[in-house]
Amino acid sequence: MRREGGSERPVLARDYFKAHGLGNDYLVFREGSVWRPAPDAVRSVCDRWTGLGSDGIVVLLGQAERPTAPFTLRMFNPDGSEFERSGNGLRILAAFLSERGWVEAERFVVRVGGDEVVMQVESHDDRGRVDVSVEMGPTLHGPEAIALEPSALDDRGRLDVGPAGFIEVHPVSVGNPHAVVFEPEVSEARLLEVGPALEKHVAIARGTNVQLAAVLDERTLEARIWERGVGVTAASGTSACAVAAAAVQSGRVPAGDLEIRMPGGSLRVAVDSDLNATLRGPVQIVAEGRLHPGLLG
């Protein structure tokens, strides 16, 4: 979920908050005065063996003691690149805000990747389990949605991905790019063939997230995910939205409430007739702490 360029990266505080959505984990840092999330520093912090371990970093901008909506974010992949948005990262940010008491049951606005999304904490129990919904907004479809060169597609809408063969790709933007591939069944072995080949395909200018998906019934889909800048991941909120929206747009399932089953668990995605998506699912709070400045040299 890469976003190249952009303004200078902010300086962050040492304190971190960690949570996961179905095994897809993020660290939340606030803007501060200690360290800058340059690519090398992000890679060090996100490393599973020598750092804190994470699928990415969510930065809450602004230094007010008690921030208020609209909350403004930036997000970074574990390879150090910046990206547009993450459904799980957004829901983990909501868990952080709820844990601090900065949001309650009201809907609130978050600014990320040049867009605004509306979120709501549906529940938050004393075991750190938080149920969050996110109005992801309109999904966009077609080659232009992910900067895919149309001339690279054959007359059946298929893309040549080398050893993985010709694949029918459903391009979807959920504020970030996705290439959904529907097959009768999905497997990690097939994902390892298709995912890296599509992520960095020469015809997709900025790269893309990749989903292998299968329709189980008219309300249930199965998906495996190759996340740009990450690789295989247990679950992804924007990927779940992309799969659901592509299934509705292509006529595989009717609009409505859908369950997207991933290796890490299931998320709910409601897709309306205009292909707007609303994501809902659980977050588990894991830990809070302070980053030692020595980690960053």
C-alpha atoms as a PDB file:
ATOM      1  CA  MET A   1       0.000   0.000   0.000  1.00  0.00           C
ATOM      2  CA  ARG A   2       2.769   2.387  -1.048  1.00  0.00           C
ATOM      3  CA  ARG A   3       2.589   6.149  -1.419  1.00  0.00           C
ATOM      4  CA  GLU A   4       5.722   7.716  -2.837  1.00  0.00           C
ATOM      5  CA  GLY A   5       6.753  11.296  -2.221  1.00  0.00           C
ATOM      6  CA  GLY A   6       4.791  13.514   0.119  1.00  0.00           C
ATOM      7  CA  SER A   7       5.971  15.983   2.724  1.00  0.00           C
ATOM      8  CA  GLU A   8       8.863  15.503   5.118  1.00  0.00           C
ATOM      9  CA  ARG A   9       8.236  12.789   7.663  1.00  0.00           C
ATOM     10  CA  PRO A  10       7.193  14.003  11.114  1.00  0.00           C
ATOM     11  CA  VAL A  11       9.193  13.598  14.322  1.00  0.00           C
ATOM     12  CA  LEU A  12       7.609  11.119  16.746  1.00  0.00           C
ATOM     13  CA  ALA A  13       7.395  10.473  20.467  1.00  0.00           C
ATOM     14  CA  ARG A  14       8.839   7.346  22.131  1.00  0.00           C
ATOM     15  CA  ASP A  15       5.569   5.975  23.515  1.00  0.00           C
ATOM     16  CA  TYR A  16       3.865   3.292  21.437  1.00  0.00           C
ATOM     17  CA  PHE A  17       0.551   1.435  21.411  1.00  0.00           C
ATOM     18  CA  LYS A  18       0.293  -1.997  19.788  1.00  0.00           C
ATOM     19  CA  ALA A  19      -2.813  -3.903  18.704  1.00  0.00           C
ATOM     20  CA  HIS A  20      -3.844  -6.321  15.995  1.00  0.00           C
ATOM     21  CA  GLY A  21      -6.834  -6.894  13.768  1.00  0.00           C
ATOM     22  CA  LEU A  22      -7.053 -10.661  13.132  1.00  0.00           C
ATOM     23  CA  GLY A  23      -3.264 -10.991  13.339  1.00  0.00           C
ATOM     24  CA  ASN A  24      -2.491  -7.899  11.234  1.00  0.00           C
ATOM     25  CA  ASP A  25      -0.692  -5.725  13.789  1.00  0.00           C
ATOM     26  CA  TYR A  26       0.217  -2.044  13.869  1.00  0.00           C
ATOM     27  CA  LEU A  27       2.103   0.289  16.170  1.00  0.00           C
ATOM     28  CA  VAL A  28       0.589   3.691  16.923  1.00  0.00           C
ATOM     29  CA  PHE A  29       2.968   6.573  17.665  1.00  0.00           C
ATOM     30  CA  ARG A  30       2.073  10.187  18.309  1.00  0.00           C
ATOM     31  CA  GLU A  31       3.909  13.109  16.816  1.00  0.00           C
ATOM     32  CA  GLY A  32       6.613  14.265  19.242  1.00  0.00           C
ATOM     33  CA  SER A  33      10.271  15.255  19.417  1.00  0.00           C
ATOM     34  CA  VAL A  34      12.387  12.075  19.672  1.00  0.00           C
ATOM     35  CA  TRP A  35      12.767  10.185  16.371  1.00  0.00           C
ATOM     36  CA  ARG A  36      11.893  10.521  12.721  1.00  0.00           C
ATOM     37  CA  PRO A  37      10.374   7.507  10.889  1.00  0.00           C
ATOM     38  CA  ALA A  38      12.880   7.491   8.051  1.00  0.00           C
ATOM     39  CA  PRO A  39      12.830   4.218   6.070  1.00  0.00           C
ATOM     40  CA  ASP A  40      15.754   2.656   7.959  1.00  0.00           C
ATOM     41  CA  ALA A  41      14.236   3.587  11.335  1.00  0.00           C
ATOM     42  CA  VAL A  42      10.824   2.169  10.380  1.00  0.00           C
ATOM     43  CA  ARG A  43      12.431  -1.090   9.279  1.00  0.00           C
ATOM     44  CA  SER A  44      14.298  -1.319  12.599  1.00  0.00           C
ATOM     45  CA  VAL A  45      11.207  -0.656  14.716  1.00  0.00           C
ATOM     46  CA  CYS A  46       8.986  -3.081  12.749  1.00  0.00           C
ATOM     47  CA  ASP A  47      11.540  -5.929  12.685  1.00  0.00           C
ATOM     48  CA  ARG A  48      10.041  -9.083  14.271  1.00  0.00           C
ATOM     49  CA  TRP A  49      13.304 -10.224  15.907  1.00  0.00           C
ATOM     50  CA  THR A  50      15.301  -7.093  16.712  1.00  0.00           C
ATOM     51  CA  GLY A  51      12.558  -4.465  17.000  1.00  0.00           C
ATOM     52  CA  LEU A  52       9.025  -4.180  18.333  1.00  0.00           C
ATOM     53  CA  GLY A  53       7.577  -6.220  15.468  1.00  0.00           C
ATOM     54  CA  SER A  54       4.730  -4.883  13.357  1.00  0.00           C
ATOM     55  CA  ASP A  55       3.019  -4.895   9.968  1.00  0.00           C
ATOM     56  CA  GLY A  56       3.300  -1.124   9.962  1.00  0.00           C
ATOM     57  CA  ILE A  57       3.222   2.162  11.857  1.00  0.00           C
ATOM     58  CA  VAL A  58       0.296   4.551  12.275  1.00  0.00           C
ATOM     59  CA  VAL A  59       1.248   8.122  13.184  1.00  0.00           C
ATOM     60  CA  LEU A  60      -1.269  10.414  14.889  1.00  0.00           C
ATOM     61  CA  LEU A  61      -0.263  13.939  13.907  1.00  0.00           C
ATOM     62  CA  GLY A  62      -0.511  16.948  16.197  1.00  0.00           C
ATOM     63  CA  GLN A  63       0.913  17.523  19.658  1.00  0.00           C
ATOM     64  CA  ALA A  64      -2.153  18.653  21.592  1.00  0.00           C
ATOM     65  CA  GLU A  65      -2.336  16.890  24.955  1.00  0.00           C
ATOM     66  CA  ARG A  66      -5.883  15.756  24.153  1.00  0.00           C
ATOM     67  CA  PRO A  67      -6.405  15.676  20.367  1.00  0.00           C
ATOM     68  CA  THR A  68      -9.869  16.025  18.913  1.00  0.00           C
ATOM     69  CA  ALA A  69     -11.505  15.042  15.636  1.00  0.00           C
ATOM     70  CA  PRO A  70     -10.827  15.274  12.810  1.00  0.00           C
ATOM     71  CA  PHE A  71      -7.728  13.208  13.580  1.00  0.00           C
ATOM     72  CA  THR A  72      -4.962  13.323  10.965  1.00  0.00           C
ATOM     73  CA  LEU A  73      -2.757  10.296  10.237  1.00  0.00           C
ATOM     74  CA  ARG A  74       0.198   9.092   8.234  1.00  0.00           C
ATOM     75  CA  MET A  75       1.009   5.405   7.750  1.00  0.00           C
ATOM     76  CA  PHE A  76       4.226   3.507   7.026  1.00  0.00           C
ATOM     77  CA  ASN A  77       4.864  -0.043   5.821  1.00  0.00           C
ATOM     78  CA  PRO A  78       7.482  -2.243   7.534  1.00  0.00           C
ATOM     79  CA  ASP A  79       9.750  -1.861   4.495  1.00  0.00           C
ATOM     80  CA  GLY A  80       9.917   1.871   5.279  1.00  0.00           C
ATOM     81  CA  SER A  81       7.609   3.106   2.504  1.00  0.00           C
ATOM     82  CA  GLU A  82       4.612   5.340   3.170  1.00  0.00           C
ATOM     83  CA  PHE A  83       1.132   4.192   2.146  1.00  0.00           C
ATOM     84  CA  GLU A  84      -2.332   5.634   1.713  1.00  0.00           C
ATOM     85  CA  ARG A  85      -4.516   3.802   4.211  1.00  0.00           C
ATOM     86  CA  SER A  86      -5.152   0.518   6.008  1.00  0.00           C
ATOM     87  CA  GLY A  87      -8.508  -0.716   7.269  1.00  0.00           C
ATOM     88  CA  ASN A  88      -6.880  -2.554  10.163  1.00  0.00           C
ATOM     89  CA  GLY A  89      -4.544   0.361  10.855  1.00  0.00           C
ATOM     90  CA  LEU A  90      -7.536   2.692  11.037  1.00  0.00           C
ATOM     91  CA  ARG A  91      -9.402   0.383  13.403  1.00  0.00           C
ATOM     92  CA  ILE A  92      -6.291   0.045  15.590  1.00  0.00           C
ATOM     93  CA  LEU A  93      -6.056   3.834  15.719  1.00  0.00           C
ATOM     94  CA  ALA A  94      -9.700   3.858  16.879  1.00  0.00           C
ATOM     95  CA  ALA A  95      -8.822   1.356  19.629  1.00  0.00           C
ATOM     96  CA  PHE A  96      -5.987   3.658  20.735  1.00  0.00           C
ATOM     97  CA  LEU A  97      -8.287   6.690  20.837  1.00  0.00           C
ATOM     98  CA  SER A  98     -10.924   4.706  22.731  1.00  0.00           C
ATOM     99  CA  GLU A  99      -8.392   3.393  25.261  1.00  0.00           C
ATOM    100  CA  ARG A 100      -7.305   6.979  25.951  1.00  0.00           C
ATOM    101  CA  GLY A 101     -10.916   8.123  26.337  1.00  0.00           C
ATOM    102  CA  TRP A 102     -10.586  10.542  23.416  1.00  0.00           C
ATOM    103  CA  VAL A 103     -13.526   8.990  21.574  1.00  0.00           C
ATOM    104  CA  GLU A 104     -16.558   7.185  22.949  1.00  0.00           C
ATOM    105  CA  ALA A 105     -19.648   5.960  21.092  1.00  0.00           C
ATOM    106  CA  GLU A 106     -19.907   8.901  18.711  1.00  0.00           C
ATOM    107  CA  ARG A 107     -18.920   8.766  15.048  1.00  0.00           C
ATOM    108  CA  PHE A 108     -15.704  10.658  14.297  1.00  0.00           C
ATOM    109  CA  VAL A 109     -13.661  11.695  11.275  1.00  0.00           C
ATOM    110  CA  VAL A 110     -10.096  10.680  10.413  1.00  0.00           C
ATOM    111  CA  ARG A 111      -8.004  12.222   7.645  1.00  0.00           C
ATOM    112  CA  VAL A 112      -5.574   9.853   5.922  1.00  0.00           C
ATOM    113  CA  GLY A 113      -4.014   9.617   2.466  1.00  0.00           C
ATOM    114  CA  GLY A 114      -5.737  12.806   1.330  1.00  0.00           C
ATOM    115  CA  ASP A 115      -9.220  11.474   2.181  1.00  0.00           C
ATOM    116  CA  GLU A 116     -11.608  11.572   5.116  1.00  0.00           C
ATOM    117  CA  VAL A 117     -13.227   8.471   6.600  1.00  0.00           C
ATOM    118  CA  VAL A 118     -15.888   8.191   9.290  1.00  0.00           C
ATOM    119  CA  MET A 119     -15.353   5.702  12.105  1.00  0.00           C
ATOM    120  CA  GLN A 120     -17.173   4.474  15.202  1.00  0.00           C
ATOM    121  CA  VAL A 121     -16.198   2.368  18.211  1.00  0.00           C
ATOM    122  CA  GLU A 122     -19.095  -0.038  18.556  1.00  0.00           C
ATOM    123  CA  SER A 123     -17.866  -1.602  21.828  1.00  0.00           C
ATOM    124  CA  HIS A 124     -14.765  -1.797  24.037  1.00  0.00           C
ATOM    125  CA  ASP A 125     -14.522  -4.381  26.819  1.00  0.00           C
ATOM    126  CA  ASP A 126     -12.202  -4.737  29.812  1.00  0.00           C
ATOM    127  CA  ARG A 127     -10.113  -7.414  28.044  1.00  0.00           C
ATOM    128  CA  GLY A 128      -8.928  -4.968  25.419  1.00  0.00           C
ATOM    129  CA  ARG A 129     -11.273  -6.165  22.694  1.00  0.00           C
ATOM    130  CA  VAL A 130     -12.608  -3.323  20.565  1.00  0.00           C
ATOM    131  CA  ASP A 131     -15.250  -3.593  17.839  1.00  0.00           C
ATOM    132  CA  VAL A 132     -14.813  -0.843  15.242  1.00  0.00           C
ATOM    133  CA  SER A 133     -16.631   0.132  12.060  1.00  0.00           C
ATOM    134  CA  VAL A 134     -15.148   2.275   9.300  1.00  0.00           C
ATOM    135  CA  GLU A 135     -17.074   3.930   6.475  1.00  0.00           C
ATOM    136  CA  MET A 136     -14.425   3.426   3.795  1.00  0.00           C
ATOM    137  CA  GLY A 137     -16.449   5.329   1.213  1.00  0.00           C
ATOM    138  CA  PRO A 138     -16.669   4.716  -2.538  1.00  0.00           C
ATOM    139  CA  THR A 139     -14.642   2.005  -4.201  1.00  0.00           C
ATOM    140  CA  LEU A 140     -13.346   2.679  -7.711  1.00  0.00           C
ATOM    141  CA  HIS A 141     -13.047   0.010 -10.392  1.00  0.00           C
ATOM    142  CA  GLY A 142     -11.169  -0.430 -13.653  1.00  0.00           C
ATOM    143  CA  PRO A 143      -7.551  -0.067 -14.775  1.00  0.00           C
ATOM    144  CA  GLU A 144      -7.411   3.667 -14.049  1.00  0.00           C
ATOM    145  CA  ALA A 145      -8.286   3.021 -10.390  1.00  0.00           C
ATOM    146  CA  ILE A 146      -4.837   1.521  -9.749  1.00  0.00           C
ATOM    147  CA  ALA A 147      -2.834   3.111 -12.599  1.00  0.00           C
ATOM    148  CA  LEU A 148      -2.841  -0.148 -14.562  1.00  0.00           C
ATOM    149  CA  GLU A 149      -1.846   0.363 -18.197  1.00  0.00           C
ATOM    150  CA  PRO A 150      -4.968  -0.767 -20.142  1.00  0.00           C
ATOM    151  CA  SER A 151      -2.933  -1.861 -23.166  1.00  0.00           C
ATOM    152  CA  ALA A 152      -1.286  -4.538 -21.008  1.00  0.00           C
ATOM    153  CA  LEU A 153      -4.623  -6.396 -20.770  1.00  0.00           C
ATOM    154  CA  ASP A 154      -5.725  -8.856 -23.445  1.00  0.00           C
ATOM    155  CA  ASP A 155      -9.263  -8.852 -24.893  1.00  0.00           C
ATOM    156  CA  ARG A 156     -10.480 -10.930 -21.925  1.00  0.00           C
ATOM    157  CA  GLY A 157      -9.124  -8.466 -19.390  1.00  0.00           C
ATOM    158  CA  ARG A 158      -6.212 -10.738 -18.498  1.00  0.00           C
ATOM    159  CA  LEU A 159      -2.698  -9.687 -17.517  1.00  0.00           C
ATOM    160  CA  ASP A 160       0.416 -11.698 -18.371  1.00  0.00           C
ATOM    161  CA  VAL A 161       2.212 -12.376 -15.076  1.00  0.00           C
ATOM    162  CA  GLY A 162       4.931 -14.627 -16.425  1.00  0.00           C
ATOM    163  CA  PRO A 163       5.224 -18.089 -14.834  1.00  0.00           C
ATOM    164  CA  ALA A 164       1.855 -17.575 -13.072  1.00  0.00           C
ATOM    165  CA  GLY A 165       0.180 -17.355 -16.490  1.00  0.00           C
ATOM    166  CA  PHE A 166      -2.507 -15.000 -17.818  1.00  0.00           C
ATOM    167  CA  ILE A 167      -4.732 -13.815 -14.977  1.00  0.00           C
ATOM    168  CA  GLU A 168      -8.045 -11.971 -15.044  1.00  0.00           C
ATOM    169  CA  VAL A 169      -7.513  -9.021 -12.733  1.00  0.00           C
ATOM    170  CA  HIS A 170     -10.204  -6.884 -11.094  1.00  0.00           C
ATOM    171  CA  PRO A 171      -8.571  -3.515 -10.271  1.00  0.00           C
ATOM    172  CA  VAL A 172     -10.107  -1.790  -7.246  1.00  0.00           C
ATOM    173  CA  SER A 173      -9.181   1.336  -5.307  1.00  0.00           C
ATOM    174  CA  VAL A 174     -10.260   1.627  -1.668  1.00  0.00           C
ATOM    175  CA  GLY A 175      -8.162   4.753  -1.293  1.00  0.00           C
ATOM    176  CA  ASN A 176      -5.228   2.427  -2.057  1.00  0.00           C
ATOM    177  CA  PRO A 177      -4.706   0.017  -4.988  1.00  0.00           C
ATOM    178  CA  HIS A 178      -5.825  -3.611  -5.134  1.00  0.00           C
ATOM    179  CA  ALA A 179      -5.758  -6.331  -7.778  1.00  0.00           C
ATOM    180  CA  VAL A 180      -8.401  -8.967  -6.988  1.00  0.00           C
ATOM    181  CA  VAL A 181      -8.099 -12.355  -8.668  1.00  0.00           C
ATOM    182  CA  PHE A 182     -11.087 -14.707  -8.426  1.00  0.00           C
ATOM    183  CA  GLU A 183     -10.377 -18.429  -8.668  1.00  0.00           C
ATOM    184  CA  PRO A 184     -12.437 -21.518  -7.776  1.00  0.00           C
ATOM    185  CA  GLU A 185     -10.326 -21.995  -4.642  1.00  0.00           C
ATOM    186  CA  VAL A 186      -7.437 -20.192  -2.990  1.00  0.00           C
ATOM    187  CA  SER A 187      -4.208 -21.431  -1.473  1.00  0.00           C
ATOM    188  CA  GLU A 188      -1.040 -19.905  -0.084  1.00  0.00           C
ATOM    189  CA  ALA A 189       1.002 -21.726  -2.724  1.00  0.00           C
ATOM    190  CA  ARG A 190      -0.970 -20.000  -5.474  1.00  0.00           C
ATOM    191  CA  LEU A 191      -0.739 -16.662  -3.629  1.00  0.00           C
ATOM    192  CA  LEU A 192       3.057 -16.981  -3.578  1.00  0.00           C
ATOM    193  CA  GLU A 193       2.964 -17.351  -7.373  1.00  0.00           C
ATOM    194  CA  VAL A 194       0.564 -14.524  -8.087  1.00  0.00           C
ATOM    195  CA  GLY A 195       1.180 -12.013  -5.273  1.00  0.00           C
ATOM    196  CA  PRO A 196       4.756 -10.859  -5.874  1.00  0.00           C
ATOM    197  CA  ALA A 197       4.314 -10.977  -9.658  1.00  0.00           C
ATOM    198  CA  LEU A 198       1.297  -8.645  -9.556  1.00  0.00           C
ATOM    199  CA  GLU A 199       2.550  -6.395  -6.738  1.00  0.00           C
ATOM    200  CA  LYS A 200       5.451  -5.117  -8.843  1.00  0.00           C
ATOM    201  CA  HIS A 201       4.105  -5.744 -12.333  1.00  0.00           C
ATOM    202  CA  VAL A 202       5.605  -3.371 -14.866  1.00  0.00           C
ATOM    203  CA  ALA A 203       2.116  -2.378 -16.083  1.00  0.00           C
ATOM    204  CA  ILE A 204       1.056  -1.127 -12.615  1.00  0.00           C
ATOM    205  CA  ALA A 205       2.900   2.128 -12.120  1.00  0.00           C
ATOM    206  CA  ARG A 206       2.856   2.358  -8.327  1.00  0.00           C
ATOM    207  CA  GLY A 207       2.451  -1.307  -7.441  1.00  0.00           C
ATOM    208  CA  THR A 208      -0.584  -2.908  -5.841  1.00  0.00           C
ATOM    209  CA  ASN A 209      -1.949  -5.096  -3.082  1.00  0.00           C
ATOM    210  CA  VAL A 210      -3.099  -8.492  -4.324  1.00  0.00           C
ATOM    211  CA  GLN A 211      -5.978 -10.736  -3.239  1.00  0.00           C
ATOM    212  CA  LEU A 212      -6.833 -14.267  -4.292  1.00  0.00           C
ATOM    213  CA  ALA A 213     -10.545 -14.739  -3.685  1.00  0.00           C
ATOM    214  CA  ALA A 214     -13.194 -17.427  -3.997  1.00  0.00           C
ATOM    215  CA  VAL A 215     -16.966 -17.121  -3.642  1.00  0.00           C
ATOM    216  CA  LEU A 216     -18.281 -19.620  -1.075  1.00  0.00           C
ATOM    217  CA  ASP A 217     -21.912 -18.478  -1.269  1.00  0.00           C
ATOM    218  CA  GLU A 218     -23.782 -15.248  -1.983  1.00  0.00           C
ATOM    219  CA  ARG A 219     -22.879 -13.799   1.423  1.00  0.00           C
ATOM    220  CA  THR A 220     -19.445 -15.343   2.042  1.00  0.00           C
ATOM    221  CA  LEU A 221     -16.082 -15.049   0.323  1.00  0.00           C
ATOM    222  CA  GLU A 222     -12.659 -16.461   1.124  1.00  0.00           C
ATOM    223  CA  ALA A 223      -9.482 -14.458   0.527  1.00  0.00           C
ATOM    224  CA  ARG A 224      -5.726 -14.692   0.857  1.00  0.00           C
ATOM    225  CA  ILE A 225      -3.706 -11.503   0.797  1.00  0.00           C
ATOM    226  CA  TRP A 226      -0.379 -10.316  -0.520  1.00  0.00           C
ATOM    227  CA  GLU A 227       0.122  -6.822   0.913  1.00  0.00           C
ATOM    228  CA  ARG A 228       2.295  -4.336  -0.908  1.00  0.00           C
ATOM    229  CA  GLY A 229       5.432  -3.644   1.093  1.00  0.00           C
ATOM    230  CA  VAL A 230       4.658  -6.522   3.478  1.00  0.00           C
ATOM    231  CA  GLY A 231       4.027  -9.816   1.630  1.00  0.00           C
ATOM    232  CA  VAL A 232       1.681 -12.526   2.892  1.00  0.00           C
ATOM    233  CA  THR A 233      -0.515 -11.194   5.690  1.00  0.00           C
ATOM    234  CA  ALA A 234      -3.163 -12.863   7.839  1.00  0.00           C
ATOM    235  CA  ALA A 235      -5.835 -10.234   7.290  1.00  0.00           C
ATOM    236  CA  SER A 236      -6.353  -6.808   5.775  1.00  0.00           C
ATOM    237  CA  GLY A 237      -9.260  -4.414   6.084  1.00  0.00           C
ATOM    238  CA  THR A 238      -8.859  -2.645   2.746  1.00  0.00           C
ATOM    239  CA  SER A 239      -8.265  -6.011   1.057  1.00  0.00           C
ATOM    240  CA  ALA A 240     -11.520  -7.330   2.526  1.00  0.00           C
ATOM    241  CA  CYS A 241     -13.297  -4.251   1.148  1.00  0.00           C
ATOM    242  CA  ALA A 242     -11.672  -4.698  -2.267  1.00  0.00           C
ATOM    243  CA  VAL A 243     -12.708  -8.355  -2.475  1.00  0.00           C
ATOM    244  CA  ALA A 244     -16.282  -7.578  -1.418  1.00  0.00           C
ATOM    245  CA  ALA A 245     -16.641  -4.636  -3.794  1.00  0.00           C
ATOM    246  CA  ALA A 246     -15.115  -6.549  -6.735  1.00  0.00           C
ATOM    247  CA  ALA A 247     -17.480  -9.463  -6.109  1.00  0.00           C
ATOM    248  CA  VAL A 248     -20.500  -7.129  -6.145  1.00  0.00           C
ATOM    249  CA  GLN A 249     -19.280  -5.072  -9.119  1.00  0.00           C
ATOM    250  CA  SER A 250     -18.628  -8.199 -11.195  1.00  0.00           C
ATOM    251  CA  GLY A 251     -22.033  -9.700 -10.356  1.00  0.00           C
ATOM    252  CA  ARG A 252     -20.656 -12.638  -8.394  1.00  0.00           C
ATOM    253  CA  VAL A 253     -22.682 -11.708  -5.296  1.00  0.00           C
ATOM    254  CA  PRO A 254     -25.469  -9.183  -4.636  1.00  0.00           C
ATOM    255  CA  ALA A 255     -24.912  -5.952  -2.722  1.00  0.00           C
ATOM    256  CA  GLY A 256     -25.388  -6.180   1.038  1.00  0.00           C
ATOM    257  CA  ASP A 257     -23.598  -7.468   4.120  1.00  0.00           C
ATOM    258  CA  LEU A 258     -20.768  -9.865   3.289  1.00  0.00           C
ATOM    259  CA  GLU A 259     -18.373 -11.971   5.331  1.00  0.00           C
ATOM    260  CA  ILE A 260     -14.761 -12.079   4.124  1.00  0.00           C
ATOM    261  CA  ARG A 261     -12.895 -15.069   5.558  1.00  0.00           C
ATOM    262  CA  MET A 262      -9.104 -14.747   5.768  1.00  0.00           C
ATOM    263  CA  PRO A 263      -6.461 -16.889   7.491  1.00  0.00           C
ATOM    264  CA  GLY A 264      -6.542 -14.573  10.524  1.00  0.00           C
ATOM    265  CA  GLY A 265     -10.340 -14.577  10.803  1.00  0.00           C
ATOM    266  CA  SER A 266     -13.389 -12.862   9.310  1.00  0.00           C
ATOM    267  CA  LEU A 267     -14.321  -9.244   8.692  1.00  0.00           C
ATOM    268  CA  ARG A 268     -17.733  -7.879   7.755  1.00  0.00           C
ATOM    269  CA  VAL A 269     -18.043  -5.601   4.740  1.00  0.00           C
ATOM    270  CA  ALA A 270     -21.286  -3.944   3.708  1.00  0.00           C
ATOM    271  CA  VAL A 271     -21.308  -2.933   0.019  1.00  0.00           C
ATOM    272  CA  ASP A 272     -24.215  -0.883  -1.271  1.00  0.00           C
ATOM    273  CA  SER A 273     -25.523  -0.588  -4.829  1.00  0.00           C
ATOM    274  CA  ASP A 274     -23.221   2.395  -5.452  1.00  0.00           C
ATOM    275  CA  LEU A 275     -20.209   0.280  -4.373  1.00  0.00           C
ATOM    276  CA  ASN A 276     -19.589   2.188  -1.148  1.00  0.00           C
ATOM    277  CA  ALA A 277     -17.969  -0.047   1.476  1.00  0.00           C
ATOM    278  CA  THR A 278     -18.255  -0.104   5.265  1.00  0.00           C
ATOM    279  CA  LEU A 279     -15.833  -2.311   7.187  1.00  0.00           C
ATOM    280  CA  ARG A 280     -16.449  -3.762  10.646  1.00  0.00           C
ATOM    281  CA  GLY A 281     -14.431  -6.103  12.814  1.00  0.00           C
ATOM    282  CA  PRO A 282     -12.490  -6.738  16.018  1.00  0.00           C
ATOM    283  CA  VAL A 283      -9.252  -5.287  17.340  1.00  0.00           C
ATOM    284  CA  GLN A 284      -7.256  -6.781  20.222  1.00  0.00           C
ATOM    285  CA  ILE A 285      -5.070  -4.430  22.244  1.00  0.00           C
ATOM    286  CA  VAL A 286      -1.668  -6.048  22.861  1.00  0.00           C
ATOM    287  CA  ALA A 287       0.707  -3.689  24.676  1.00  0.00           C
ATOM    288  CA  GLU A 288       1.868  -0.193  25.420  1.00  0.00           C
ATOM    289  CA  GLY A 289       5.418   0.909  26.115  1.00  0.00           C
ATOM    290  CA  ARG A 290       8.347   3.189  25.272  1.00  0.00           C
ATOM    291  CA  LEU A 291      10.795   2.767  22.434  1.00  0.00           C
ATOM    292  CA  HIS A 292      14.403   2.825  23.636  1.00  0.00           C
ATOM    293  CA  PRO A 293      16.267   5.528  21.681  1.00  0.00           C
ATOM    294  CA  GLY A 294      19.286   3.232  21.449  1.00  0.00           C
ATOM    295  CA  LEU A 295      17.391   1.041  18.974  1.00  0.00           C
ATOM    296  CA  LEU A 296      17.706   3.801  16.415  1.00  0.00           C
ATOM    297  CA  GLY A 297      21.403   4.428  16.982  1.00  0.00           C
END
